[in-house]
């Protein structure tokens, strides 16, 4: 690329884009709800939330000085992130807490970017994060899931016009905000039935001696507050 092309691309990514019509914002919210509420569809769409969940673990592990060995994503929408370092301390606590909080916080950050009219920046930022995550995936299903997701962002960013990009970006952010709420309720239900003995909340309880229900309460607070705040930004209230 010559200097002019690079500058034009930079302006396109860092510049602002016009907001979509209110009906587009509402339609994308309805579409996001439609892929998070029904159980059958959620079994498939939850894979995207798992990417954000495990990505949160992985990124936090790196930021706190731990060594990230790899990430696995499974067809049952579960995942596993393996990192090395002290088995206790602040870094381990933050890494364990980052999973359930990552999707809603990513949604909140995305809503802030959209409120600032940075649609293209959001799409390219998400694409770069997915490419970075792909390097750490250690199983075939995980690679397929991340490649398909990243490919969707790349195709929309390169081949579609502003209106399609805006609808896609708003749909993604609504999905992260809404989809970040449901897994915490699912985890709470599993624990009530005696399942998930090694969940993030239980690991955090062992690390901090704070009861697991309080960690669940924190996960609920983060996801619901992110939904409320992000929703206000998206609806421009």
C-alpha atoms as a PDB file:
ATOM      1  CA  UNK A   1       0.000   0.000   0.000  1.00  0.00           C
ATOM      2  CA  UNK A   2       1.224   3.519  -0.751  1.00  0.00           C
ATOM      3  CA  UNK A   3       1.106   6.326   1.800  1.00  0.00           C
ATOM      4  CA  UNK A   4      -2.117   7.765   0.423  1.00  0.00           C
ATOM      5  CA  UNK A   5      -3.915   4.425   0.630  1.00  0.00           C
ATOM      6  CA  UNK A   6      -2.715   3.825   4.185  1.00  0.00           C
ATOM      7  CA  UNK A   7      -3.836   7.308   5.227  1.00  0.00           C
ATOM      8  CA  UNK A   8      -7.243   6.793   3.634  1.00  0.00           C
ATOM      9  CA  UNK A   9      -7.640   3.446   5.391  1.00  0.00           C
ATOM     10  CA  UNK A  10      -6.637   5.018   8.699  1.00  0.00           C
ATOM     11  CA  UNK A  11      -9.169   7.817   8.255  1.00  0.00           C
ATOM     12  CA  UNK A  12     -11.839   5.269   7.413  1.00  0.00           C
ATOM     13  CA  UNK A  13     -11.156   3.178  10.513  1.00  0.00           C
ATOM     14  CA  UNK A  14     -10.640   6.026  12.984  1.00  0.00           C
ATOM     15  CA  UNK A  15     -13.265   8.344  11.560  1.00  0.00           C
ATOM     16  CA  UNK A  16     -16.897   8.593  12.537  1.00  0.00           C
ATOM     17  CA  UNK A  17     -19.929   7.219  10.731  1.00  0.00           C
ATOM     18  CA  UNK A  18     -23.578   8.321  10.838  1.00  0.00           C
ATOM     19  CA  UNK A  19     -25.932   6.653  13.294  1.00  0.00           C
ATOM     20  CA  UNK A  20     -28.514   4.246  11.876  1.00  0.00           C
ATOM     21  CA  UNK A  21     -32.205   5.006  12.120  1.00  0.00           C
ATOM     22  CA  UNK A  22     -33.981   4.188  15.372  1.00  0.00           C
ATOM     23  CA  UNK A  23     -35.888   1.363  13.703  1.00  0.00           C
ATOM     24  CA  UNK A  24     -32.549  -0.307  12.846  1.00  0.00           C
ATOM     25  CA  UNK A  25     -31.416  -0.040  16.470  1.00  0.00           C
ATOM     26  CA  UNK A  26     -34.688  -1.563  17.673  1.00  0.00           C
ATOM     27  CA  UNK A  27     -34.682  -4.254  14.974  1.00  0.00           C
ATOM     28  CA  UNK A  28     -31.143  -5.346  15.858  1.00  0.00           C
ATOM     29  CA  UNK A  29     -32.105  -5.471  19.537  1.00  0.00           C
ATOM     30  CA  UNK A  30     -35.051  -7.723  18.647  1.00  0.00           C
ATOM     31  CA  UNK A  31     -32.816  -9.905  16.485  1.00  0.00           C
ATOM     32  CA  UNK A  32     -30.281 -10.247  19.303  1.00  0.00           C
ATOM     33  CA  UNK A  33     -33.052 -11.217  21.708  1.00  0.00           C
ATOM     34  CA  UNK A  34     -34.333 -13.752  19.181  1.00  0.00           C
ATOM     35  CA  UNK A  35     -30.987 -15.579  19.152  1.00  0.00           C
ATOM     36  CA  UNK A  36     -30.476 -15.483  22.925  1.00  0.00           C
ATOM     37  CA  UNK A  37     -33.920 -16.321  24.327  1.00  0.00           C
ATOM     38  CA  UNK A  38     -35.016 -19.551  22.525  1.00  0.00           C
ATOM     39  CA  UNK A  39     -33.128 -22.532  23.899  1.00  0.00           C
ATOM     40  CA  UNK A  40     -32.525 -24.270  20.552  1.00  0.00           C
ATOM     41  CA  UNK A  41     -31.034 -21.183  18.916  1.00  0.00           C
ATOM     42  CA  UNK A  42     -29.096 -20.285  22.067  1.00  0.00           C
ATOM     43  CA  UNK A  43     -27.318 -23.655  21.953  1.00  0.00           C
ATOM     44  CA  UNK A  44     -25.695 -22.460  18.729  1.00  0.00           C
ATOM     45  CA  UNK A  45     -25.356 -18.717  19.309  1.00  0.00           C
ATOM     46  CA  UNK A  46     -23.831 -19.269  22.755  1.00  0.00           C
ATOM     47  CA  UNK A  47     -20.612 -20.280  20.957  1.00  0.00           C
ATOM     48  CA  UNK A  48     -19.962 -16.590  20.300  1.00  0.00           C
ATOM     49  CA  UNK A  49     -20.403 -15.786  23.998  1.00  0.00           C
ATOM     50  CA  UNK A  50     -17.954 -18.579  24.823  1.00  0.00           C
ATOM     51  CA  UNK A  51     -15.385 -16.947  22.539  1.00  0.00           C
ATOM     52  CA  UNK A  52     -15.740 -13.705  24.514  1.00  0.00           C
ATOM     53  CA  UNK A  53     -15.737 -15.594  27.837  1.00  0.00           C
ATOM     54  CA  UNK A  54     -12.536 -17.518  27.158  1.00  0.00           C
ATOM     55  CA  UNK A  55     -10.989 -14.506  25.448  1.00  0.00           C
ATOM     56  CA  UNK A  56     -11.576 -12.568  28.662  1.00  0.00           C
ATOM     57  CA  UNK A  57      -9.739 -15.211  30.664  1.00  0.00           C
ATOM     58  CA  UNK A  58      -6.872 -15.241  28.181  1.00  0.00           C
ATOM     59  CA  UNK A  59      -6.440 -11.484  27.840  1.00  0.00           C
ATOM     60  CA  UNK A  60      -6.578 -10.938  31.595  1.00  0.00           C
ATOM     61  CA  UNK A  61      -4.033 -13.698  32.151  1.00  0.00           C
ATOM     62  CA  UNK A  62      -1.613 -11.924  29.805  1.00  0.00           C
ATOM     63  CA  UNK A  63      -2.285  -8.487  31.298  1.00  0.00           C
ATOM     64  CA  UNK A  64      -1.585  -9.773  34.817  1.00  0.00           C
ATOM     65  CA  UNK A  65       1.722 -11.358  33.828  1.00  0.00           C
ATOM     66  CA  UNK A  66       0.625 -14.960  33.561  1.00  0.00           C
ATOM     67  CA  UNK A  67       1.728 -17.229  30.709  1.00  0.00           C
ATOM     68  CA  UNK A  68      -1.124 -18.212  28.414  1.00  0.00           C
ATOM     69  CA  UNK A  69      -0.706 -21.825  27.254  1.00  0.00           C
ATOM     70  CA  UNK A  70      -3.817 -22.074  25.106  1.00  0.00           C
ATOM     71  CA  UNK A  71      -7.576 -21.837  24.708  1.00  0.00           C
ATOM     72  CA  UNK A  72     -10.025 -24.587  23.747  1.00  0.00           C
ATOM     73  CA  UNK A  73     -13.598 -24.106  22.551  1.00  0.00           C
ATOM     74  CA  UNK A  74     -15.928 -27.106  22.516  1.00  0.00           C
ATOM     75  CA  UNK A  75     -19.060 -27.950  20.544  1.00  0.00           C
ATOM     76  CA  UNK A  76     -21.169 -28.069  23.737  1.00  0.00           C
ATOM     77  CA  UNK A  77     -20.356 -24.317  24.100  1.00  0.00           C
ATOM     78  CA  UNK A  78     -17.993 -24.931  26.996  1.00  0.00           C
ATOM     79  CA  UNK A  79     -14.407 -23.746  26.899  1.00  0.00           C
ATOM     80  CA  UNK A  80     -11.090 -23.963  28.709  1.00  0.00           C
ATOM     81  CA  UNK A  81      -8.284 -21.441  29.076  1.00  0.00           C
ATOM     82  CA  UNK A  82      -4.996 -22.666  30.502  1.00  0.00           C
ATOM     83  CA  UNK A  83      -2.434 -20.250  31.913  1.00  0.00           C
ATOM     84  CA  UNK A  84       0.653 -20.621  34.066  1.00  0.00           C
ATOM     85  CA  UNK A  85       1.747 -18.579  37.024  1.00  0.00           C
ATOM     86  CA  UNK A  86       1.073 -18.332  40.727  1.00  0.00           C
ATOM     87  CA  UNK A  87      -1.939 -20.493  41.663  1.00  0.00           C
ATOM     88  CA  UNK A  88      -3.126 -17.686  43.913  1.00  0.00           C
ATOM     89  CA  UNK A  89      -2.927 -13.923  44.206  1.00  0.00           C
ATOM     90  CA  UNK A  90      -4.492 -10.965  42.408  1.00  0.00           C
ATOM     91  CA  UNK A  91      -3.544 -12.125  38.910  1.00  0.00           C
ATOM     92  CA  UNK A  92      -5.220 -15.490  39.332  1.00  0.00           C
ATOM     93  CA  UNK A  93      -8.323 -13.919  40.885  1.00  0.00           C
ATOM     94  CA  UNK A  94      -8.687 -11.385  38.067  1.00  0.00           C
ATOM     95  CA  UNK A  95      -8.160 -14.086  35.456  1.00  0.00           C
ATOM     96  CA  UNK A  96     -10.838 -16.309  36.979  1.00  0.00           C
ATOM     97  CA  UNK A  97     -13.258 -13.399  37.338  1.00  0.00           C
ATOM     98  CA  UNK A  98     -12.814 -12.226  33.743  1.00  0.00           C
ATOM     99  CA  UNK A  99     -14.816 -14.983  32.034  1.00  0.00           C
ATOM    100  CA  UNK A 100     -18.414 -14.183  32.915  1.00  0.00           C
ATOM    101  CA  UNK A 101     -17.747 -10.451  33.013  1.00  0.00           C
ATOM    102  CA  UNK A 102     -16.024 -10.255  29.608  1.00  0.00           C
ATOM    103  CA  UNK A 103     -19.067 -10.511  27.263  1.00  0.00           C
ATOM    104  CA  UNK A 104     -21.150  -7.793  28.985  1.00  0.00           C
ATOM    105  CA  UNK A 105     -18.123  -5.517  29.422  1.00  0.00           C
ATOM    106  CA  UNK A 106     -17.206  -5.965  25.763  1.00  0.00           C
ATOM    107  CA  UNK A 107     -20.804  -5.127  24.921  1.00  0.00           C
ATOM    108  CA  UNK A 108     -20.631  -2.026  27.111  1.00  0.00           C
ATOM    109  CA  UNK A 109     -17.393  -0.937  25.434  1.00  0.00           C
ATOM    110  CA  UNK A 110     -18.949  -1.557  22.040  1.00  0.00           C
ATOM    111  CA  UNK A 111     -21.993   0.510  22.988  1.00  0.00           C
ATOM    112  CA  UNK A 112     -19.690   3.373  23.996  1.00  0.00           C
ATOM    113  CA  UNK A 113     -17.936   3.226  20.622  1.00  0.00           C
ATOM    114  CA  UNK A 114     -21.256   3.201  18.774  1.00  0.00           C
ATOM    115  CA  UNK A 115     -22.509   6.132  20.849  1.00  0.00           C
ATOM    116  CA  UNK A 116     -19.374   7.952  19.660  1.00  0.00           C
ATOM    117  CA  UNK A 117     -20.186   6.984  16.039  1.00  0.00           C
ATOM    118  CA  UNK A 118     -17.124   4.686  15.734  1.00  0.00           C
ATOM    119  CA  UNK A 119     -18.782   1.845  13.833  1.00  0.00           C
ATOM    120  CA  UNK A 120     -15.822   0.933  11.613  1.00  0.00           C
ATOM    121  CA  UNK A 121     -13.387   1.111  14.526  1.00  0.00           C
ATOM    122  CA  UNK A 122     -15.550  -1.350  16.456  1.00  0.00           C
ATOM    123  CA  UNK A 123     -15.648  -3.799  13.547  1.00  0.00           C
ATOM    124  CA  UNK A 124     -11.906  -3.669  12.912  1.00  0.00           C
ATOM    125  CA  UNK A 125     -11.084  -3.807  16.622  1.00  0.00           C
ATOM    126  CA  UNK A 126     -13.196  -6.928  17.031  1.00  0.00           C
ATOM    127  CA  UNK A 127     -11.531  -8.494  13.978  1.00  0.00           C
ATOM    128  CA  UNK A 128      -8.043  -7.868  15.384  1.00  0.00           C
ATOM    129  CA  UNK A 129      -9.011  -9.344  18.761  1.00  0.00           C
ATOM    130  CA  UNK A 130     -10.322 -12.479  17.058  1.00  0.00           C
ATOM    131  CA  UNK A 131      -7.138 -12.833  14.988  1.00  0.00           C
ATOM    132  CA  UNK A 132      -5.036 -12.481  18.144  1.00  0.00           C
ATOM    133  CA  UNK A 133      -7.176 -15.081  19.904  1.00  0.00           C
ATOM    134  CA  UNK A 134      -6.875 -17.484  16.970  1.00  0.00           C
ATOM    135  CA  UNK A 135      -3.141 -17.815  17.631  1.00  0.00           C
ATOM    136  CA  UNK A 136      -3.883 -19.291  21.054  1.00  0.00           C
ATOM    137  CA  UNK A 137      -6.627 -21.748  20.055  1.00  0.00           C
ATOM    138  CA  UNK A 138      -5.541 -25.354  20.556  1.00  0.00           C
ATOM    139  CA  UNK A 139      -8.337 -27.465  19.042  1.00  0.00           C
ATOM    140  CA  UNK A 140      -9.960 -27.795  15.620  1.00  0.00           C
ATOM    141  CA  UNK A 141     -13.483 -26.819  16.668  1.00  0.00           C
ATOM    142  CA  UNK A 142     -12.139 -23.717  18.354  1.00  0.00           C
ATOM    143  CA  UNK A 143     -10.209 -22.727  15.235  1.00  0.00           C
ATOM    144  CA  UNK A 144     -13.322 -23.226  13.089  1.00  0.00           C
ATOM    145  CA  UNK A 145     -15.495 -21.158  15.420  1.00  0.00           C
ATOM    146  CA  UNK A 146     -13.080 -18.245  15.627  1.00  0.00           C
ATOM    147  CA  UNK A 147     -12.321 -18.285  11.879  1.00  0.00           C
ATOM    148  CA  UNK A 148     -16.034 -18.216  10.984  1.00  0.00           C
ATOM    149  CA  UNK A 149     -16.712 -15.417  13.465  1.00  0.00           C
ATOM    150  CA  UNK A 150     -13.685 -13.384  12.408  1.00  0.00           C
ATOM    151  CA  UNK A 151     -14.503 -13.991   8.752  1.00  0.00           C
ATOM    152  CA  UNK A 152     -17.968 -12.528   9.253  1.00  0.00           C
ATOM    153  CA  UNK A 153     -16.508  -9.354  10.749  1.00  0.00           C
ATOM    154  CA  UNK A 154     -13.909  -9.096   7.972  1.00  0.00           C
ATOM    155  CA  UNK A 155     -16.437  -9.564   5.176  1.00  0.00           C
ATOM    156  CA  UNK A 156     -18.825  -7.008   6.620  1.00  0.00           C
ATOM    157  CA  UNK A 157     -15.974  -4.529   7.154  1.00  0.00           C
ATOM    158  CA  UNK A 158     -14.630  -4.866   3.598  1.00  0.00           C
ATOM    159  CA  UNK A 159     -17.579  -5.652   1.374  1.00  0.00           C
ATOM    160  CA  UNK A 160     -20.641  -3.890   2.740  1.00  0.00           C
ATOM    161  CA  UNK A 161     -21.827  -0.311   2.909  1.00  0.00           C
ATOM    162  CA  UNK A 162     -22.314   1.918   5.963  1.00  0.00           C
ATOM    163  CA  UNK A 163     -25.915   0.879   6.601  1.00  0.00           C
ATOM    164  CA  UNK A 164     -25.133  -2.853   6.670  1.00  0.00           C
ATOM    165  CA  UNK A 165     -22.049  -2.251   8.801  1.00  0.00           C
ATOM    166  CA  UNK A 166     -24.093  -0.223  11.272  1.00  0.00           C
ATOM    167  CA  UNK A 167     -26.810  -2.885  11.525  1.00  0.00           C
ATOM    168  CA  UNK A 168     -24.208  -5.622  11.987  1.00  0.00           C
ATOM    169  CA  UNK A 169     -22.310  -3.657  14.645  1.00  0.00           C
ATOM    170  CA  UNK A 170     -25.456  -2.819  16.601  1.00  0.00           C
ATOM    171  CA  UNK A 171     -26.599  -6.437  16.379  1.00  0.00           C
ATOM    172  CA  UNK A 172     -23.266  -7.688  17.724  1.00  0.00           C
ATOM    173  CA  UNK A 173     -23.265  -5.257  20.641  1.00  0.00           C
ATOM    174  CA  UNK A 174     -26.881  -6.009  21.565  1.00  0.00           C
ATOM    175  CA  UNK A 175     -26.020  -9.712  21.416  1.00  0.00           C
ATOM    176  CA  UNK A 176     -23.058  -9.296  23.787  1.00  0.00           C
ATOM    177  CA  UNK A 177     -25.162  -7.278  26.217  1.00  0.00           C
ATOM    178  CA  UNK A 178     -28.132  -9.647  26.177  1.00  0.00           C
ATOM    179  CA  UNK A 179     -26.075 -12.818  25.789  1.00  0.00           C
ATOM    180  CA  UNK A 180     -23.874 -11.813  28.700  1.00  0.00           C
ATOM    181  CA  UNK A 181     -26.818 -12.044  31.090  1.00  0.00           C
ATOM    182  CA  UNK A 182     -28.070 -15.564  30.423  1.00  0.00           C
ATOM    183  CA  UNK A 183     -24.912 -17.623  31.233  1.00  0.00           C
ATOM    184  CA  UNK A 184     -24.845 -16.342  34.809  1.00  0.00           C
ATOM    185  CA  UNK A 185     -28.417 -17.511  35.382  1.00  0.00           C
ATOM    186  CA  UNK A 186     -27.506 -20.843  33.781  1.00  0.00           C
ATOM    187  CA  UNK A 187     -24.529 -21.223  36.108  1.00  0.00           C
ATOM    188  CA  UNK A 188     -26.708 -20.361  39.088  1.00  0.00           C
ATOM    189  CA  UNK A 189     -29.199 -23.043  38.054  1.00  0.00           C
ATOM    190  CA  UNK A 190     -26.473 -25.656  37.611  1.00  0.00           C
ATOM    191  CA  UNK A 191     -25.037 -24.930  41.058  1.00  0.00           C
ATOM    192  CA  UNK A 192     -28.508 -25.109  42.607  1.00  0.00           C
ATOM    193  CA  UNK A 193     -28.842 -28.620  41.160  1.00  0.00           C
ATOM    194  CA  UNK A 194     -25.423 -29.613  42.474  1.00  0.00           C
ATOM    195  CA  UNK A 195     -23.601 -29.275  39.149  1.00  0.00           C
ATOM    196  CA  UNK A 196     -20.588 -27.246  37.993  1.00  0.00           C
ATOM    197  CA  UNK A 197     -18.492 -27.863  41.140  1.00  0.00           C
ATOM    198  CA  UNK A 198     -15.421 -26.351  39.464  1.00  0.00           C
ATOM    199  CA  UNK A 199     -17.100 -23.282  37.972  1.00  0.00           C
ATOM    200  CA  UNK A 200     -15.440 -19.882  37.876  1.00  0.00           C
ATOM    201  CA  UNK A 201     -17.452 -18.829  40.927  1.00  0.00           C
ATOM    202  CA  UNK A 202     -16.304 -21.888  42.887  1.00  0.00           C
ATOM    203  CA  UNK A 203     -12.687 -21.374  41.855  1.00  0.00           C
ATOM    204  CA  UNK A 204     -12.923 -17.768  42.988  1.00  0.00           C
ATOM    205  CA  UNK A 205     -14.443 -18.891  46.277  1.00  0.00           C
ATOM    206  CA  UNK A 206     -11.477 -21.186  46.914  1.00  0.00           C
ATOM    207  CA  UNK A 207      -9.016 -18.446  45.936  1.00  0.00           C
ATOM    208  CA  UNK A 208     -10.562 -15.681  48.039  1.00  0.00           C
ATOM    209  CA  UNK A 209     -12.596 -17.500  50.714  1.00  0.00           C
ATOM    210  CA  UNK A 210     -15.556 -15.401  49.591  1.00  0.00           C
ATOM    211  CA  UNK A 211     -18.697 -17.575  49.140  1.00  0.00           C
ATOM    212  CA  UNK A 212     -19.444 -18.532  45.536  1.00  0.00           C
ATOM    213  CA  UNK A 213     -22.976 -17.008  45.673  1.00  0.00           C
ATOM    214  CA  UNK A 214     -21.402 -13.600  46.243  1.00  0.00           C
ATOM    215  CA  UNK A 215     -19.282 -14.043  43.132  1.00  0.00           C
ATOM    216  CA  UNK A 216     -22.430 -14.988  41.258  1.00  0.00           C
ATOM    217  CA  UNK A 217     -24.011 -11.806  42.584  1.00  0.00           C
ATOM    218  CA  UNK A 218     -21.062  -9.841  41.188  1.00  0.00           C
ATOM    219  CA  UNK A 219     -21.444 -11.527  37.785  1.00  0.00           C
ATOM    220  CA  UNK A 220     -25.166 -10.662  37.813  1.00  0.00           C
ATOM    221  CA  UNK A 221     -24.456  -7.067  38.771  1.00  0.00           C
ATOM    222  CA  UNK A 222     -21.882  -6.594  36.008  1.00  0.00           C
ATOM    223  CA  UNK A 223     -24.039  -8.151  33.288  1.00  0.00           C
ATOM    224  CA  UNK A 224     -27.261  -6.377  34.244  1.00  0.00           C
ATOM    225  CA  UNK A 225     -25.595  -2.992  34.771  1.00  0.00           C
ATOM    226  CA  UNK A 226     -23.789  -3.346  31.435  1.00  0.00           C
ATOM    227  CA  UNK A 227     -27.091  -4.151  29.735  1.00  0.00           C
ATOM    228  CA  UNK A 228     -28.775  -1.141  31.329  1.00  0.00           C
ATOM    229  CA  UNK A 229     -25.944   1.264  30.577  1.00  0.00           C
ATOM    230  CA  UNK A 230     -25.150  -0.075  27.139  1.00  0.00           C
ATOM    231  CA  UNK A 231     -28.817  -0.121  26.201  1.00  0.00           C
ATOM    232  CA  UNK A 232     -29.157   3.545  27.136  1.00  0.00           C
ATOM    233  CA  UNK A 233     -26.173   4.419  24.925  1.00  0.00           C
ATOM    234  CA  UNK A 234     -27.484   2.409  22.002  1.00  0.00           C
ATOM    235  CA  UNK A 235     -30.966   3.923  22.277  1.00  0.00           C
ATOM    236  CA  UNK A 236     -29.438   7.391  22.827  1.00  0.00           C
ATOM    237  CA  UNK A 237     -31.504   7.970  25.971  1.00  0.00           C
END
